[in-house]
Amino acid sequence: MTDVASQPSVQQFKVPDVSCNHCVDAITSEVAPLAGVAAVDVDLETKIVTVTGGDHAAIIAAIDEAGYDVAAD
């Protein structure tokens, strides 16, 4: 039996300005090293950044540090 509480959460962030592989690399390089982050996926078509694990506020700050804004819901 798997303990659901021990599995990292999956969070999604809409980042309208991502458009190329440089964007993917910039965001991934800022978010991936954060504590608790297990995976980062940037989808250029949907402009969604999916992050497994990590702190919500820290992820938003890292995306901002990479030069991109997270869209408000």
C-alpha atoms as a PDB file:
ATOM      1  CA  MET A   1       0.000   0.000   0.000  1.00  0.00           C
ATOM      2  CA  THR A   2       1.321   3.454  -0.930  1.00  0.00           C
ATOM      3  CA  ASP A   3       1.169   6.297   1.553  1.00  0.00           C
ATOM      4  CA  VAL A   4      -0.538   9.105  -0.394  1.00  0.00           C
ATOM      5  CA  ALA A   5       0.637  11.741   2.091  1.00  0.00           C
ATOM      6  CA  SER A   6       4.283  10.978   1.271  1.00  0.00           C
ATOM      7  CA  GLN A   7       3.837  11.568  -2.466  1.00  0.00           C
ATOM      8  CA  PRO A   8       4.813  15.063  -3.667  1.00  0.00           C
ATOM      9  CA  SER A   9       2.029  17.317  -4.879  1.00  0.00           C
ATOM     10  CA  VAL A  10       1.722  18.308  -8.532  1.00  0.00           C
ATOM     11  CA  GLN A  11       1.234  22.020  -9.184  1.00  0.00           C
ATOM     12  CA  GLN A  12       0.554  23.789 -12.478  1.00  0.00           C
ATOM     13  CA  PHE A  13       1.349  27.378 -13.376  1.00  0.00           C
ATOM     14  CA  LYS A  14       0.173  29.281 -16.473  1.00  0.00           C
ATOM     15  CA  VAL A  15       3.138  31.201 -17.912  1.00  0.00           C
ATOM     16  CA  PRO A  16       1.874  33.043 -21.024  1.00  0.00           C
ATOM     17  CA  ASP A  17       5.262  34.304 -22.226  1.00  0.00           C
ATOM     18  CA  VAL A  18       6.985  30.932 -22.755  1.00  0.00           C
ATOM     19  CA  SER A  19       7.607  30.400 -26.446  1.00  0.00           C
ATOM     20  CA  CYS A  20      10.884  28.574 -27.076  1.00  0.00           C
ATOM     21  CA  ASN A  21      13.414  26.109 -25.716  1.00  0.00           C
ATOM     22  CA  HIS A  22      15.379  28.948 -24.134  1.00  0.00           C
ATOM     23  CA  CYS A  23      12.276  29.682 -22.038  1.00  0.00           C
ATOM     24  CA  VAL A  24      12.052  26.018 -21.049  1.00  0.00           C
ATOM     25  CA  ASP A  25      15.724  25.945 -20.049  1.00  0.00           C
ATOM     26  CA  ALA A  26      15.531  29.214 -18.102  1.00  0.00           C
ATOM     27  CA  ILE A  27      12.497  28.141 -16.077  1.00  0.00           C
ATOM     28  CA  THR A  28      13.757  24.604 -15.518  1.00  0.00           C
ATOM     29  CA  SER A  29      17.168  25.804 -14.338  1.00  0.00           C
ATOM     30  CA  GLU A  30      15.566  28.086 -11.729  1.00  0.00           C
ATOM     31  CA  VAL A  31      12.828  25.716 -10.501  1.00  0.00           C
ATOM     32  CA  ALA A  32      14.546  22.296 -10.560  1.00  0.00           C
ATOM     33  CA  PRO A  33      17.111  23.057  -7.802  1.00  0.00           C
ATOM     34  CA  LEU A  34      14.429  24.181  -5.318  1.00  0.00           C
ATOM     35  CA  ALA A  35      14.021  22.097  -2.175  1.00  0.00           C
ATOM     36  CA  GLY A  36      11.468  19.341  -2.624  1.00  0.00           C
ATOM     37  CA  VAL A  37      11.118  19.674  -6.400  1.00  0.00           C
ATOM     38  CA  ALA A  38      11.138  16.229  -8.002  1.00  0.00           C
ATOM     39  CA  ALA A  39      10.260  17.170 -11.595  1.00  0.00           C
ATOM     40  CA  VAL A  40       9.640  20.184 -13.843  1.00  0.00           C
ATOM     41  CA  ASP A  41       7.845  20.090 -17.193  1.00  0.00           C
ATOM     42  CA  VAL A  42       7.293  23.143 -19.401  1.00  0.00           C
ATOM     43  CA  ASP A  43       4.726  22.675 -22.177  1.00  0.00           C
ATOM     44  CA  LEU A  44       5.288  25.277 -24.897  1.00  0.00           C
ATOM     45  CA  GLU A  45       1.953  24.564 -26.582  1.00  0.00           C
ATOM     46  CA  THR A  46      -0.243  25.039 -23.511  1.00  0.00           C
ATOM     47  CA  LYS A  47       2.182  27.425 -21.764  1.00  0.00           C
ATOM     48  CA  ILE A  48       1.781  25.400 -18.562  1.00  0.00           C
ATOM     49  CA  VAL A  49       4.640  24.687 -16.165  1.00  0.00           C
ATOM     50  CA  THR A  50       3.980  21.509 -14.175  1.00  0.00           C
ATOM     51  CA  VAL A  51       6.046  21.006 -11.034  1.00  0.00           C
ATOM     52  CA  THR A  52       6.085  17.911  -8.846  1.00  0.00           C
ATOM     53  CA  GLY A  53       6.889  18.788  -5.249  1.00  0.00           C
ATOM     54  CA  GLY A  54       8.277  22.040  -3.910  1.00  0.00           C
ATOM     55  CA  ASP A  55       6.843  25.095  -2.211  1.00  0.00           C
ATOM     56  CA  HIS A  56       4.202  27.027  -4.188  1.00  0.00           C
ATOM     57  CA  ALA A  57       5.528  30.508  -3.345  1.00  0.00           C
ATOM     58  CA  ALA A  58       9.147  29.485  -3.964  1.00  0.00           C
ATOM     59  CA  ILE A  59       8.231  28.092  -7.394  1.00  0.00           C
ATOM     60  CA  ILE A  60       6.475  31.316  -8.393  1.00  0.00           C
ATOM     61  CA  ALA A  61       9.495  33.309  -7.189  1.00  0.00           C
ATOM     62  CA  ALA A  62      11.842  31.066  -9.221  1.00  0.00           C
ATOM     63  CA  ILE A  63       9.744  31.470 -12.376  1.00  0.00           C
ATOM     64  CA  ASP A  64       9.841  35.235 -11.794  1.00  0.00           C
ATOM     65  CA  GLU A  65      13.625  35.072 -11.272  1.00  0.00           C
ATOM     66  CA  ALA A  66      13.877  33.329 -14.661  1.00  0.00           C
ATOM     67  CA  GLY A  67      12.167  36.388 -16.179  1.00  0.00           C
ATOM     68  CA  TYR A  68       8.594  35.142 -16.592  1.00  0.00           C
ATOM     69  CA  ASP A  69       5.289  36.058 -14.970  1.00  0.00           C
ATOM     70  CA  VAL A  70       2.819  33.497 -13.686  1.00  0.00           C
ATOM     71  CA  ALA A  71      -0.705  34.390 -14.827  1.00  0.00           C
ATOM     72  CA  ALA A  72      -3.342  34.913 -12.151  1.00  0.00           C
ATOM     73  CA  ASP A  73      -6.043  32.275 -12.061  1.00  0.00           C
END
